[in-house]
C-alpha atoms as a PDB file:
ATOM      1  CA  MET A   1      -1.182 -10.284  12.880  1.00  0.00           C
ATOM      2  CA  LEU A   2       0.529 -11.078   9.619  1.00  0.00           C
ATOM      3  CA  ALA A   3       2.299 -14.346   9.012  1.00  0.00           C
ATOM      4  CA  PRO A   4       6.126 -14.368   9.327  1.00  0.00           C
ATOM      5  CA  THR A   5       6.495 -14.569   5.545  1.00  0.00           C
ATOM      6  CA  GLY A   6       4.962 -11.114   5.254  1.00  0.00           C
ATOM      7  CA  ALA A   7       1.574 -12.119   3.882  1.00  0.00           C
ATOM      8  CA  GLY A   8      -1.667 -11.681   5.768  1.00  0.00           C
ATOM      9  CA  PRO A   9      -5.320 -12.397   5.125  1.00  0.00           C
ATOM     10  CA  THR A  10      -5.405  -9.594   2.559  1.00  0.00           C
ATOM     11  CA  GLY A  11      -2.393 -10.837   0.649  1.00  0.00           C
ATOM     12  CA  LEU A  12      -0.644  -7.535   1.354  1.00  0.00           C
ATOM     13  CA  TRP A  13       3.074  -8.290   1.503  1.00  0.00           C
ATOM     14  CA  HIS A  14       5.020  -5.107   1.987  1.00  0.00           C
ATOM     15  CA  ASP A  15       3.932  -2.156   4.110  1.00  0.00           C
ATOM     16  CA  ALA A  16       1.423  -4.162   6.128  1.00  0.00           C
ATOM     17  CA  ALA A  17       4.211  -6.173   7.745  1.00  0.00           C
ATOM     18  CA  ARG A  18       6.041  -3.131   9.105  1.00  0.00           C
ATOM     19  CA  LEU A  19       6.204  -1.474  12.496  1.00  0.00           C
ATOM     20  CA  ILE A  20       6.732   2.304  12.314  1.00  0.00           C
ATOM     21  CA  GLU A  21       8.521   3.892  15.259  1.00  0.00           C
ATOM     22  CA  TYR A  22       7.920   7.548  16.097  1.00  0.00           C
ATOM     23  CA  GLY A  23       8.390   9.624  19.218  1.00  0.00           C
ATOM     24  CA  GLY A  24       9.433   6.550  21.173  1.00  0.00           C
ATOM     25  CA  ARG A  25       6.216   4.730  20.200  1.00  0.00           C
ATOM     26  CA  VAL A  26       5.363   2.177  17.546  1.00  0.00           C
ATOM     27  CA  ALA A  27       2.505   2.219  15.041  1.00  0.00           C
ATOM     28  CA  ASP A  28       1.600  -1.351  14.108  1.00  0.00           C
ATOM     29  CA  ILE A  29       0.711  -1.243  10.419  1.00  0.00           C
ATOM     30  CA  ALA A  30      -0.530  -4.834  10.568  1.00  0.00           C
ATOM     31  CA  ARG A  31      -2.967  -3.891  13.343  1.00  0.00           C
ATOM     32  CA  LEU A  32      -4.124  -0.838  11.401  1.00  0.00           C
ATOM     33  CA  THR A  33      -4.670  -3.085   8.398  1.00  0.00           C
ATOM     34  CA  GLN A  34      -6.830  -5.392  10.525  1.00  0.00           C
ATOM     35  CA  VAL A  35      -9.024  -2.443  11.495  1.00  0.00           C
ATOM     36  CA  ILE A  36      -9.177  -0.859   8.044  1.00  0.00           C
ATOM     37  CA  GLU A  37      -9.631  -3.869   5.764  1.00  0.00           C
ATOM     38  CA  PRO A  38     -13.136  -4.857   6.946  1.00  0.00           C
ATOM     39  CA  GLU A  39     -14.315  -1.327   6.141  1.00  0.00           C
ATOM     40  CA  ALA A  40     -13.030  -1.660   2.586  1.00  0.00           C
ATOM     41  CA  VAL A  41     -14.522  -5.133   2.180  1.00  0.00           C
ATOM     42  CA  ALA A  42     -17.906  -3.959   3.500  1.00  0.00           C
ATOM     43  CA  LEU A  43     -18.036  -1.452   0.642  1.00  0.00           C
ATOM     44  CA  GLY A  44     -17.036  -4.069  -1.933  1.00  0.00           C
ATOM     45  CA  PHE A  45     -13.463  -2.809  -2.270  1.00  0.00           C
ATOM     46  CA  GLU A  46     -10.064  -4.481  -2.005  1.00  0.00           C
ATOM     47  CA  LEU A  47      -7.358  -2.989   0.180  1.00  0.00           C
ATOM     48  CA  VAL A  48      -4.138  -2.299  -1.714  1.00  0.00           C
ATOM     49  CA  ARG A  49      -1.904  -0.599   0.864  1.00  0.00           C
ATOM     50  CA  VAL A  50      -1.817   0.976   4.318  1.00  0.00           C
ATOM     51  CA  LYS A  51       1.098   3.314   4.981  1.00  0.00           C
ATOM     52  CA  LEU A  52       2.063   5.901   7.609  1.00  0.00           C
ATOM     53  CA  THR A  53       4.321   8.719   6.440  1.00  0.00           C
ATOM     54  CA  GLY A  54       5.616  12.079   7.655  1.00  0.00           C
ATOM     55  CA  SER A  55       6.548  13.344  11.106  1.00  0.00           C
ATOM     56  CA  GLY A  56       5.130  15.473  13.906  1.00  0.00           C
ATOM     57  CA  ASP A  57       1.808  17.075  12.992  1.00  0.00           C
ATOM     58  CA  GLU A  58       2.454  16.359   9.311  1.00  0.00           C
ATOM     59  CA  ARG A  59       1.896  12.616   9.566  1.00  0.00           C
ATOM     60  CA  THR A  60      -0.408  11.006   7.018  1.00  0.00           C
ATOM     61  CA  LEU A  61      -2.140   7.648   7.196  1.00  0.00           C
ATOM     62  CA  GLN A  62      -2.445   6.595   3.575  1.00  0.00           C
ATOM     63  CA  VAL A  63      -5.141   4.061   2.710  1.00  0.00           C
ATOM     64  CA  MET A  64      -5.124   2.827  -0.877  1.00  0.00           C
ATOM     65  CA  ALA A  65      -7.967   0.678  -2.168  1.00  0.00           C
ATOM     66  CA  GLU A  66      -9.652  -0.322  -5.394  1.00  0.00           C
ATOM     67  CA  ASP A  67     -12.993  -1.422  -6.740  1.00  0.00           C
ATOM     68  CA  PRO A  68     -12.324  -4.885  -8.267  1.00  0.00           C
ATOM     69  CA  ALA A  69     -14.600  -4.005 -11.177  1.00  0.00           C
ATOM     70  CA  THR A  70     -12.492  -1.024 -12.255  1.00  0.00           C
ATOM     71  CA  GLY A  71      -9.161  -1.227 -10.416  1.00  0.00           C
ATOM     72  CA  GLN A  72      -9.810   2.306  -9.143  1.00  0.00           C
ATOM     73  CA  LEU A  73     -12.043   4.373  -6.860  1.00  0.00           C
ATOM     74  CA  VAL A  74     -14.078   7.413  -7.832  1.00  0.00           C
ATOM     75  CA  VAL A  75     -14.437  10.397  -5.501  1.00  0.00           C
ATOM     76  CA  GLU A  76     -17.670   9.198  -3.921  1.00  0.00           C
ATOM     77  CA  GLN A  77     -16.113   5.821  -3.151  1.00  0.00           C
ATOM     78  CA  CYS A  78     -13.065   7.472  -1.584  1.00  0.00           C
ATOM     79  CA  MET A  79     -15.323   9.617   0.571  1.00  0.00           C
ATOM     80  CA  ALA A  80     -17.359   6.634   1.756  1.00  0.00           C
ATOM     81  CA  LEU A  81     -14.255   4.635   2.647  1.00  0.00           C
ATOM     82  CA  SER A  82     -12.687   7.641   4.364  1.00  0.00           C
ATOM     83  CA  ARG A  83     -15.732   8.082   6.612  1.00  0.00           C
ATOM     84  CA  ASN A  84     -15.862   4.388   7.501  1.00  0.00           C
ATOM     85  CA  VAL A  85     -12.144   4.112   8.224  1.00  0.00           C
ATOM     86  CA  SER A  86     -12.197   7.243  10.383  1.00  0.00           C
ATOM     87  CA  ASN A  87     -15.165   5.922  12.364  1.00  0.00           C
ATOM     88  CA  ALA A  88     -13.536   2.501  12.784  1.00  0.00           C
ATOM     89  CA  ILE A  89     -10.280   3.960  14.104  1.00  0.00           C
ATOM     90  CA  ASP A  90     -12.188   6.255  16.462  1.00  0.00           C
ATOM     91  CA  ALA A  91     -14.224   3.323  17.798  1.00  0.00           C
ATOM     92  CA  VAL A  92     -11.122   1.237  18.521  1.00  0.00           C
ATOM     93  CA  GLU A  93      -9.332   4.114  20.219  1.00  0.00           C
ATOM     94  CA  GLU A  94     -12.409   5.068  22.256  1.00  0.00           C
ATOM     95  CA  ALA A  95     -12.396   1.476  23.530  1.00  0.00           C
ATOM     96  CA  GLY A  96      -8.921   2.098  24.942  1.00  0.00           C
ATOM     97  CA  GLU A  97      -6.519   0.874  22.244  1.00  0.00           C
ATOM     98  CA  GLU A  98      -4.161   3.500  20.824  1.00  0.00           C
ATOM     99  CA  LEU A  99      -3.605   2.878  17.115  1.00  0.00           C
ATOM    100  CA  ILE A 100      -1.890   6.152  16.208  1.00  0.00           C
ATOM    101  CA  ALA A 101      -0.623   8.611  18.816  1.00  0.00           C
ATOM    102  CA  GLY A 102      -0.795  12.284  17.913  1.00  0.00           C
ATOM    103  CA  ALA A 103      -2.384  14.284  15.127  1.00  0.00           C
ATOM    104  CA  TYR A 104      -2.488  12.895  11.619  1.00  0.00           C
ATOM    105  CA  HIS A 105      -4.214  13.233   8.254  1.00  0.00           C
ATOM    106  CA  LEU A 106      -6.229  10.373   6.800  1.00  0.00           C
ATOM    107  CA  GLU A 107      -5.775  10.092   3.042  1.00  0.00           C
ATOM    108  CA  VAL A 108      -7.816   7.645   0.985  1.00  0.00           C
ATOM    109  CA  SER A 109      -6.945   7.108  -2.661  1.00  0.00           C
ATOM    110  CA  SER A 110      -7.092   4.705  -5.577  1.00  0.00           C
ATOM    111  CA  PRO A 111      -3.849   3.162  -6.881  1.00  0.00           C
ATOM    112  CA  GLY A 112      -3.489   5.200 -10.078  1.00  0.00           C
ATOM    113  CA  ILE A 113      -2.047   3.908 -13.335  1.00  0.00           C
ATOM    114  CA  ASP A 114       1.566   3.533 -12.150  1.00  0.00           C
ATOM    115  CA  ARG A 115       0.335   1.621  -9.129  1.00  0.00           C
ATOM    116  CA  PRO A 116       2.330  -0.070  -6.373  1.00  0.00           C
ATOM    117  CA  LEU A 117       2.366  -3.862  -6.411  1.00  0.00           C
ATOM    118  CA  THR A 118       1.579  -5.096  -2.913  1.00  0.00           C
ATOM    119  CA  ARG A 119      -0.155  -8.445  -3.420  1.00  0.00           C
ATOM    120  CA  ALA A 120       0.936 -11.687  -5.056  1.00  0.00           C
ATOM    121  CA  LYS A 121      -1.847 -11.401  -7.625  1.00  0.00           C
ATOM    122  CA  ASP A 122      -0.548  -7.980  -8.708  1.00  0.00           C
ATOM    123  CA  TYR A 123       2.600  -9.626 -10.057  1.00  0.00           C
ATOM    124  CA  ALA A 124       0.469 -11.963 -12.165  1.00  0.00           C
ATOM    125  CA  ASN A 125      -2.024  -9.336 -13.305  1.00  0.00           C
ATOM    126  CA  TRP A 126       0.651  -6.881 -14.445  1.00  0.00           C
ATOM    127  CA  ALA A 127       3.128  -9.309 -16.003  1.00  0.00           C
ATOM    128  CA  GLY A 128       4.526  -7.919 -19.236  1.00  0.00           C
ATOM    129  CA  HIS A 129       4.729  -4.355 -17.939  1.00  0.00           C
ATOM    130  CA  GLU A 130       7.715  -2.325 -16.807  1.00  0.00           C
ATOM    131  CA  VAL A 131       8.352  -2.277 -13.063  1.00  0.00           C
ATOM    132  CA  ARG A 132      10.810  -0.958 -10.499  1.00  0.00           C
ATOM    133  CA  LEU A 133      11.655  -3.149  -7.510  1.00  0.00           C
ATOM    134  CA  SER A 134      13.405  -2.224  -4.269  1.00  0.00           C
ATOM    135  CA  LEU A 135      14.695  -5.224  -2.329  1.00  0.00           C
ATOM    136  CA  GLU A 136      15.036  -5.893   1.383  1.00  0.00           C
ATOM    137  CA  GLU A 137      18.524  -7.324   0.822  1.00  0.00           C
ATOM    138  CA  PRO A 138      20.804  -7.203  -2.251  1.00  0.00           C
ATOM    139  CA  LEU A 139      20.360  -9.959  -4.833  1.00  0.00           C
ATOM    140  CA  ASP A 140      23.639 -10.776  -6.573  1.00  0.00           C
ATOM    141  CA  GLY A 141      24.838  -7.393  -5.324  1.00  0.00           C
ATOM    142  CA  HIS A 142      21.800  -5.496  -6.619  1.00  0.00           C
ATOM    143  CA  LYS A 143      19.191  -3.901  -4.360  1.00  0.00           C
ATOM    144  CA  ARG A 144      17.166  -2.177  -7.092  1.00  0.00           C
ATOM    145  CA  LEU A 145      15.838  -3.754 -10.261  1.00  0.00           C
ATOM    146  CA  HIS A 146      14.164  -2.172 -13.276  1.00  0.00           C
ATOM    147  CA  GLY A 147      12.730  -4.042 -16.211  1.00  0.00           C
ATOM    148  CA  GLU A 148       9.835  -6.074 -17.555  1.00  0.00           C
ATOM    149  CA  LEU A 149       7.879  -8.042 -14.984  1.00  0.00           C
ATOM    150  CA  THR A 150       7.773 -11.627 -16.220  1.00  0.00           C
ATOM    151  CA  GLY A 151       5.299 -12.860 -13.610  1.00  0.00           C
ATOM    152  CA  ILE A 152       5.087 -14.931 -10.453  1.00  0.00           C
ATOM    153  CA  GLU A 153       5.128 -18.665  -9.839  1.00  0.00           C
ATOM    154  CA  GLY A 154       4.324 -19.714  -6.306  1.00  0.00           C
ATOM    155  CA  ASP A 155       6.118 -17.150  -4.173  1.00  0.00           C
ATOM    156  CA  VAL A 156       8.859 -16.425  -6.726  1.00  0.00           C
ATOM    157  CA  VAL A 157       8.762 -13.240  -8.806  1.00  0.00           C
ATOM    158  CA  SER A 158      10.581 -13.055 -12.137  1.00  0.00           C
ATOM    159  CA  ILE A 159      11.811  -9.944 -13.908  1.00  0.00           C
ATOM    160  CA  GLU A 160      13.789  -9.270 -17.076  1.00  0.00           C
ATOM    161  CA  ASP A 161      16.058  -6.553 -15.713  1.00  0.00           C
ATOM    162  CA  ARG A 162      17.309  -3.997 -18.232  1.00  0.00           C
ATOM    163  CA  LYS A 163      20.922  -4.316 -17.072  1.00  0.00           C
ATOM    164  CA  PHE A 164      21.215  -7.737 -15.477  1.00  0.00           C
ATOM    165  CA  GLY A 165      18.886  -9.892 -17.567  1.00  0.00           C
ATOM    166  CA  PRO A 166      16.488 -12.540 -16.197  1.00  0.00           C
ATOM    167  CA  MET A 167      16.290 -12.627 -12.413  1.00  0.00           C
ATOM    168  CA  SER A 168      14.046 -14.475  -9.952  1.00  0.00           C
ATOM    169  CA  LEU A 169      13.550 -13.695  -6.281  1.00  0.00           C
ATOM    170  CA  PRO A 170      11.217 -14.533  -3.391  1.00  0.00           C
ATOM    171  CA  LEU A 171       8.221 -12.232  -3.084  1.00  0.00           C
ATOM    172  CA  ALA A 172       9.028 -11.703   0.607  1.00  0.00           C
ATOM    173  CA  GLN A 173      12.403 -10.221  -0.421  1.00  0.00           C
ATOM    174  CA  ILE A 174      10.723  -7.310  -2.226  1.00  0.00           C
ATOM    175  CA  HIS A 175      10.499  -4.183  -0.061  1.00  0.00           C
ATOM    176  CA  SER A 176       8.477  -2.187  -2.582  1.00  0.00           C
ATOM    177  CA  ALA A 177       7.414  -2.447  -6.203  1.00  0.00           C
ATOM    178  CA  LYS A 178       5.771  -0.014  -8.575  1.00  0.00           C
ATOM    179  CA  LEU A 179       4.716  -0.035 -12.205  1.00  0.00           C
ATOM    180  CA  VAL A 180       6.458   2.420 -14.527  1.00  0.00           C
ATOM    181  CA  LEU A 181       4.217   4.734 -16.549  1.00  0.00           C
ATOM    182  CA  THR A 182       4.551   3.718 -20.206  1.00  0.00           C
ATOM    183  CA  ASP A 183       2.386   3.951 -23.315  1.00  0.00           C
ATOM    184  CA  LYS A 184       1.765   0.212 -23.029  1.00  0.00           C
ATOM    185  CA  LEU A 185       0.543   0.582 -19.439  1.00  0.00           C
ATOM    186  CA  ILE A 186      -1.695   3.533 -20.316  1.00  0.00           C
ATOM    187  CA  ALA A 187      -3.207   1.544 -23.187  1.00  0.00           C
ATOM    188  CA  ALA A 188      -3.890  -1.384 -20.848  1.00  0.00           C
ATOM    189  CA  THR A 189      -5.551   0.779 -18.212  1.00  0.00           C
ATOM    190  CA  ARG A 190      -9.068   2.178 -18.330  1.00  0.00           C
ATOM    191  CA  PRO A 191      -8.984   5.346 -16.219  1.00  0.00           C
ATOM    192  CA  LEU A 192     -12.247   6.628 -14.805  1.00  0.00           C
ATOM    193  CA  GLU A 193     -13.343  10.222 -15.194  1.00  0.00           C
ATOM    194  CA  ILE A 194     -13.000  11.706 -11.704  1.00  0.00           C
ATOM    195  CA  ALA A 195     -12.063  15.291 -12.571  1.00  0.00           C
ATOM    196  CA  GLY A 196      -8.468  14.737 -11.566  1.00  0.00           C
ATOM    197  CA  VAL A 197      -9.287  14.089  -7.917  1.00  0.00           C
ATOM    198  CA  ASP A 198      -8.452  10.747  -6.339  1.00  0.00           C
ATOM    199  CA  ASP A 199      -7.527  11.706  -2.766  1.00  0.00           C
ATOM    200  CA  ILE A 200      -9.954  12.529   0.053  1.00  0.00           C
ATOM    201  CA  GLU A 201      -8.322  13.773   3.247  1.00  0.00           C
ATOM    202  CA  GLU A 202      -9.560  14.056   6.802  1.00  0.00           C
ATOM    203  CA  PHE A 203      -7.740  15.590   9.742  1.00  0.00           C
ATOM    204  CA  THR A 204      -7.918  13.714  13.014  1.00  0.00           C
ATOM    205  CA  GLU A 205      -6.919  15.498  16.213  1.00  0.00           C
ATOM    206  CA  THR A 206      -5.301  13.536  19.037  1.00  0.00           C
ATOM    207  CA  ASP A 207      -2.395  14.324  21.358  1.00  0.00           C
ATOM    208  CA  ASP A 208       0.501  16.048  19.628  1.00  0.00           C
ATOM    209  CA  ILE A 209       3.645  13.977  19.453  1.00  0.00           C
ATOM    210  CA  ASN A 210       6.854  14.131  17.444  1.00  0.00           C
ATOM    211  CA  GLU A 211       7.411  11.244  15.067  1.00  0.00           C
ATOM    212  CA  GLU A 212      10.482   9.811  13.473  1.00  0.00           C
ATOM    213  CA  GLU A 213       9.378   7.410  10.782  1.00  0.00           C
ATOM    214  CA  GLU A 214      11.461   4.428   9.824  1.00  0.00           C
ATOM    215  CA  ALA A 215      12.179   4.745   6.117  1.00  0.00           C
END
């Protein structure tokens, strides 16, 4: 399980710490991360995010990962990770542990240029770029920030907000963060040629169940 601060062995801070309730049941994203991360590591990838979205039969388990050498995944890499993750989940559930009740799609993708920031190192690597932050609780009355990411020192993230100026906040207080697509970001990113395809989906059949996802 993840530490109380929100960080686990992967360094994932946001979605991995959440429990998603649906149909009277709970999907433990931290537990899913424990099952999925070794499959990414075995292929030489780093896990960026695990997220469960949607409701009913339209639920999607989103697995986002990257090749450290490129910051992305090509189609073949997505396919390999998708197969391994699907097999790993099946093996755990066949052993008697229910990870996700009901039907769902498995979607494996690379982060893209305007990527989410989910790990402490992301805030260091992408300092100087424009970012949007959504906070767990308001900071000085503000729950959303938008401006230039200054960086991170220890567990404190700094941002030069467009409206409110310099602001610093604990990493654990950030609910979600995402880079904003700008010319500067595009110039700093080396996209791979993957014919416009970065998502590989699989459909996994289990018992049907209605889901109400916690936003």
